[in-house]
Protein backbone atom coordinates (compact mmCIF):
# COMPACT_ATOMS: atom_id res chain seq x y z
CA UNK A 1 0.00 0.00 0.00
CA UNK A 2 2.99 2.29 -0.35
CA UNK A 3 1.65 4.30 -3.31
CA UNK A 4 -2.02 4.58 -2.40
CA UNK A 5 -1.26 5.72 1.13
CA UNK A 6 1.49 8.13 -0.02
CA UNK A 7 3.87 6.44 2.40
CA UNK A 8 6.97 8.61 2.94
CA UNK A 9 10.02 7.36 1.10
CA UNK A 10 13.25 6.25 2.75
CA UNK A 11 14.85 9.48 1.56
CA UNK A 12 12.06 11.57 3.10
CA UNK A 13 12.41 9.76 6.43
CA UNK A 14 16.21 9.95 6.50
CA UNK A 15 17.51 11.51 9.69
CA UNK A 16 14.07 11.67 11.34
CA UNK A 17 12.80 8.56 13.18
CA UNK A 18 9.24 7.71 12.08
CA UNK A 19 6.77 5.46 13.85
CA UNK A 20 3.76 3.39 12.73
CA UNK A 21 5.10 3.10 9.18
CA UNK A 22 4.68 -0.48 7.89
CA UNK A 23 3.69 -1.42 11.44
CA UNK A 24 0.49 -3.36 10.77
CA UNK A 25 -0.95 -5.73 8.20
CA UNK A 26 -3.92 -4.74 6.04
CA UNK A 27 -5.59 -7.93 7.27
CA UNK A 28 -5.72 -6.60 10.85
CA UNK A 29 -8.95 -5.08 12.14
CA UNK A 30 -7.31 -1.86 13.28
CA UNK A 31 -9.23 1.20 14.48
CA UNK A 32 -8.88 4.51 16.29
CA UNK A 33 -9.34 2.90 19.69
CA UNK A 34 -6.43 0.54 19.16
CA UNK A 35 -4.34 3.38 17.76
CA UNK A 36 -5.01 5.41 20.91
CA UNK A 37 -3.60 2.62 23.08
CA UNK A 38 -0.63 1.90 20.82
CA UNK A 39 0.27 5.53 20.26
CA UNK A 40 0.05 6.54 23.92
CA UNK A 41 2.37 3.67 24.80
CA UNK A 42 4.85 4.77 22.14
CA UNK A 43 4.62 8.41 23.24
CA UNK A 44 5.39 7.35 26.79
CA UNK A 45 8.61 5.76 25.55
CA UNK A 46 9.55 8.71 23.35
CA UNK A 47 9.00 11.34 26.04
CA UNK A 48 11.52 9.51 28.19
CA UNK A 49 14.17 10.53 25.63
CA UNK A 50 12.80 13.62 23.87
CA UNK A 51 11.11 16.83 25.07
CA UNK A 52 9.10 17.19 21.85
CA UNK A 53 7.30 14.68 19.65
CA UNK A 54 5.48 15.58 16.43
CA UNK A 55 2.26 13.71 15.69
CA UNK A 56 1.19 14.28 12.11
CA UNK A 57 -1.55 12.99 9.88
CA UNK A 58 -4.83 13.69 8.18
CA UNK A 59 -7.29 11.58 10.16
CA UNK A 60 -8.95 13.86 12.67
CA UNK A 61 -10.50 10.93 14.53
CA UNK A 62 -7.15 9.24 15.09
CA UNK A 63 -5.53 12.48 16.24
CA UNK A 64 -8.45 13.14 18.57
CA UNK A 65 -8.14 9.63 19.98
CA UNK A 66 -4.56 10.31 21.05
CA UNK A 67 -4.92 13.88 22.27
CA UNK A 68 -8.38 13.74 23.89
CA UNK A 69 -9.58 10.14 24.01
CA UNK A 70 -12.72 8.61 22.52
CA UNK A 71 -16.18 7.88 23.84
CA UNK A 72 -16.57 4.47 25.43
CA UNK A 73 -18.24 2.11 22.99
CA UNK A 74 -20.15 -1.08 23.83
CA UNK A 75 -19.04 -4.57 22.92
CA UNK A 76 -20.30 -5.64 19.52
CA UNK A 77 -20.97 -8.98 17.92
CA UNK A 78 -18.33 -10.39 15.54
CA UNK A 79 -21.19 -12.07 13.69
CA UNK A 80 -22.83 -8.69 13.07
CA UNK A 81 -19.60 -7.27 11.72
CA UNK A 82 -19.08 -10.29 9.47
CA UNK A 83 -22.62 -9.95 8.13
CA UNK A 84 -22.08 -6.26 7.37
CA UNK A 85 -18.85 -7.02 5.53
CA UNK A 86 -20.64 -9.67 3.47
CA UNK A 87 -23.45 -7.24 2.63
CA UNK A 88 -20.92 -4.60 1.65
CA UNK A 89 -19.09 -7.01 -0.65
CA UNK A 90 -22.31 -8.27 -2.23
CA UNK A 91 -24.35 -5.09 -2.61
CA UNK A 92 -22.01 -2.15 -2.15
CA UNK A 93 -22.20 0.76 0.26
CA UNK A 94 -25.48 2.40 -0.79
CA UNK A 95 -27.89 0.01 1.05
CA UNK A 96 -25.87 0.34 4.25
CA UNK A 97 -25.90 4.13 4.01
CA UNK A 98 -29.68 4.02 3.52
CA UNK A 99 -30.04 1.81 6.60
CA UNK A 100 -27.89 4.20 8.62
CA UNK A 101 -30.04 7.15 7.55
CA UNK A 102 -33.15 5.28 8.71
CA UNK A 103 -31.78 4.01 12.03
CA UNK A 104 -29.49 6.86 13.06
CA UNK A 105 -30.01 10.14 11.16
CA UNK A 106 -27.65 11.95 13.55
CA UNK A 107 -24.69 9.77 12.63
CA UNK A 108 -25.80 9.79 8.99
CA UNK A 109 -25.49 13.56 8.95
CA UNK A 110 -22.21 13.62 10.86
CA UNK A 111 -19.89 11.04 9.32
CA UNK A 112 -18.20 10.67 5.96
CA UNK A 113 -20.75 8.49 4.20
CA UNK A 114 -18.24 7.48 1.54
CA UNK A 115 -16.01 5.93 4.18
CA UNK A 116 -16.88 2.24 4.28
CA UNK A 117 -15.26 1.71 7.66
CA UNK A 118 -17.16 4.54 9.35
CA UNK A 119 -20.52 3.38 7.97
CA UNK A 120 -19.92 -0.26 8.86
CA UNK A 121 -18.75 0.64 12.36
CA UNK A 122 -21.84 2.77 13.05
CA UNK A 123 -24.16 0.00 11.88
CA UNK A 124 -22.16 -2.62 13.77
CA UNK A 125 -22.85 -0.81 17.05
CA UNK A 126 -26.46 0.00 16.13
CA UNK A 127 -27.36 -3.55 15.14
CA UNK A 128 -25.51 -5.11 18.07
CA UNK A 129 -27.10 -2.90 20.73
CA UNK A 130 -30.41 -1.90 19.21
CA UNK A 131 -29.50 1.73 19.96
CA UNK A 132 -28.24 4.43 17.59
CA UNK A 133 -24.48 4.75 17.33
CA UNK A 134 -24.86 8.47 18.10
CA UNK A 135 -26.40 7.69 21.49
CA UNK A 136 -23.00 6.53 22.73
CA UNK A 137 -21.33 9.84 21.93
CA UNK A 138 -21.19 12.04 25.00
CA UNK A 139 -20.02 15.53 25.81
CA UNK A 140 -17.49 14.24 28.31
CA UNK A 141 -14.35 16.24 28.98
CA UNK A 142 -11.17 15.38 27.12
CA UNK A 143 -9.12 12.66 28.76
CA UNK A 144 -6.18 13.86 30.83
CA UNK A 145 -2.84 13.34 29.12
CA UNK A 146 0.63 13.52 30.72
CA UNK A 147 1.82 15.91 28.02
CA UNK A 148 0.85 19.28 26.57
CA UNK A 149 -0.58 19.43 23.06
CA UNK A 150 -0.02 22.26 20.59
CA UNK A 151 -2.33 21.86 17.60
CA UNK A 152 -1.23 23.25 14.25
CA UNK A 153 -3.12 22.85 10.96
CA UNK A 154 -1.75 23.63 7.51
CA UNK A 155 -3.89 24.97 4.70
CA UNK A 156 -3.53 26.83 1.45
CA UNK A 157 -5.73 28.63 -1.07
CA UNK A 158 -8.47 26.23 -2.19
CA UNK A 159 -7.79 26.37 -5.93
CA UNK A 160 -4.09 25.69 -5.44
CA UNK A 161 -4.87 22.89 -2.99
CA UNK A 162 -7.11 21.16 -5.51
CA UNK A 163 -4.53 21.58 -8.28
CA UNK A 164 -1.92 19.98 -6.07
CA UNK A 165 -4.27 17.11 -5.27
CA UNK A 166 -4.87 16.45 -8.97
CA UNK A 167 -1.12 16.55 -9.63
CA UNK A 168 -0.48 14.19 -6.72
CA UNK A 169 -3.00 11.70 -8.11
CA UNK A 170 -1.29 11.87 -11.51
CA UNK A 171 2.06 11.20 -9.81
CA UNK A 172 0.67 8.23 -7.89
CA UNK A 173 -0.77 6.74 -11.07
CA UNK A 174 2.53 7.23 -12.87
CA UNK A 175 4.30 5.52 -9.96
CA UNK A 176 2.22 2.37 -10.45
CA UNK A 177 -0.95 2.73 -8.36
CA UNK A 178 -2.95 0.55 -10.77
CA UNK A 179 -0.46 -2.31 -10.43
CA UNK A 180 -0.44 -1.91 -6.65
CA UNK A 181 -4.23 -2.17 -6.51
CA UNK A 182 -4.24 -5.24 -8.77
CA UNK A 183 -1.84 -6.96 -6.37
CA UNK A 184 -4.21 -6.15 -3.49
CA UNK A 185 -7.33 -7.62 -5.10
CA UNK A 186 -7.30 -10.75 -2.86
CA UNK A 187 -7.50 -8.46 0.19
CA UNK A 188 -10.09 -5.99 -1.06
CA UNK A 189 -12.68 -6.96 1.58
CA UNK A 190 -10.47 -5.66 4.41
CA UNK A 191 -11.28 -2.26 5.91
CA UNK A 192 -7.87 -0.81 5.13
CA UNK A 193 -8.72 -0.91 1.42
CA UNK A 194 -12.18 0.65 1.68
CA UNK A 195 -10.65 4.06 1.14
CA UNK A 196 -10.21 6.74 -1.47
CA UNK A 197 -7.56 5.71 -3.97
CA UNK A 198 -8.30 2.02 -3.84
CA UNK A 199 -12.07 1.80 -4.16
CA UNK A 200 -12.19 3.78 -7.41
CA UNK A 201 -9.66 1.46 -9.05
CA UNK A 202 -11.38 -1.65 -7.71
CA UNK A 203 -14.55 -0.37 -9.40
CA UNK A 204 -12.59 0.13 -12.63
CA UNK A 205 -11.24 -3.42 -12.45
CA UNK A 206 -14.81 -4.64 -11.87
CA UNK A 207 -15.86 -2.92 -15.10
CA UNK A 208 -18.03 -0.29 -13.43
CA UNK A 209 -16.10 2.59 -15.05
CA UNK A 210 -13.66 3.11 -17.86
CA UNK A 211 -10.17 4.36 -16.98
CA UNK A 212 -10.71 8.10 -17.60
CA UNK A 213 -13.82 8.01 -15.39
CA UNK A 214 -11.96 6.12 -12.66
CA UNK A 215 -9.23 8.77 -12.68
CA UNK A 216 -11.81 11.56 -12.59
CA UNK A 217 -13.58 9.97 -9.62
CA UNK A 218 -10.29 9.39 -7.83
CA UNK A 219 -9.38 13.06 -8.13
CA UNK A 220 -12.87 14.24 -7.21
CA UNK A 221 -13.14 11.97 -4.17
CA UNK A 222 -9.68 12.97 -2.98
CA UNK A 223 -10.65 16.64 -3.19
CA UNK A 224 -13.86 15.91 -1.29
CA UNK A 225 -11.88 14.06 1.36
CA UNK A 226 -9.53 17.02 1.78
CA UNK A 227 -12.53 19.32 2.19
CA UNK A 228 -13.97 17.06 4.89
CA UNK A 229 -10.62 17.03 6.67
CA UNK A 230 -10.53 20.82 6.73
CA UNK A 231 -14.11 20.93 8.04
CA UNK A 232 -13.23 18.50 10.85
CA UNK A 233 -10.21 20.47 12.02
CA UNK A 234 -11.96 23.84 11.82
CA UNK A 235 -14.49 22.62 14.38
CA UNK A 236 -11.70 22.59 16.96
CA UNK A 237 -10.81 26.16 18.05
CA UNK A 238 -7.54 24.94 19.58
CA UNK A 239 -5.90 24.62 16.17
CA UNK A 240 -3.51 27.33 15.02
CA UNK A 241 -3.85 27.70 11.27
CA UNK A 242 -0.87 28.29 8.99
CA UNK A 243 -1.65 29.50 5.46
CA UNK A 244 0.98 28.06 3.14
CA UNK A 245 2.19 30.02 0.14
CA UNK A 246 1.77 33.40 1.81
C-alpha cells in the first residue's frame, strides 16, 4: 500500500525517526481505539528521551483519539460485523448508508458516508445494541494526558490545494498505483482498502467505469476528502492555522 497511502520514502524519512510506518498488516482489524492505546504507549517511551514529539496525519479521529480520548463504545458482535462485511461485498455501500439514515439520522449527517469503515462501524454498534451509534457519543471532557498538546493545521488557497491534489494523483498513477491495486485484489474486503484511492480502481477493475472516469472519480473523491478534513479540524478552536504560500 505504499503508493495509495502516499507512504513517505526512505529518503524523506532519512535523519528523522518515524513510527507506525509499515507497522500493521492490512488484514488486521485496526481502528482509532487501538491506535489510541498503541500511540500513547509509544509516546510514553519517546518522552523519556525527547522533550518534543510531532504527531502528524490527516485523520482527525485518530488524532483526537490520542490527544483527547474517545467515547466508550459497547461490545459488539463479531457475527454482526461479518454480516455487514458480506453485505458490503455483495451489494455495495449504498444500502448500508440508507439503513444508517433510517436508524441513526444523527450519525448519517455527521460522518463521511463514503467511508466504508465509518458506515460499517456505526451500523455494527447500532445492530448489536439496538441503539443508535450516536447515542453513545457524550459531551465528556477530554481525557487527561501527561503531556501538553499544541495543535497546528496547515492549509492553502483552495484552488491551489485542488490543483496539487490532482497533480499528486497523476504522480501516484505514474508511480504504479494501478499495479499496486491489482496486487491487493485478494485483500479488497479488508477495511484498510475501503478508502479513497483504492475503491475507485477496484470499481474500474470490476468494469463499473472506464479508466478516464476512474481517474476523474479518484481526483474528485480525494478533493472531497480534503474538504472534509478541513471541516473537521476547523471545528476545533484549539488549532492554530498556517496559510501556506503566503
